[in-house]
Amino acid sequence: MPKSFDYIIPGAGSAGCVLASRLTEDPAVSVLLLEAGGSDDNYLFHWPAGFAKMTKGIASWGWSTVPQRHMQDRVLW
């Protein structure tokens, strides 16, 4: 892997991936696309139905909303 890049894109969400894809259409350009998280060696990452099991587990950051006043103070994740 090179020690320097022409572009560094933090976040591999929909916009980050599209931007990285467009920039790499030029073979002279090097791009580093960064995404947070650990290894994806758990089988749930590669099993389509595994998504439902990851939302509150191995792939969750554990963040939730503040209590929602108009939803009887429920907290969403």
Foldseek 3Di string as FASTA:
>chain_A
DDPDFPEEAEDPDPVLVVVVVVQVVPVVGGYHYDDDDDDPPDCLSVDVVSVVVPCCDRVHPPDWDAQDPVVVRDIGD
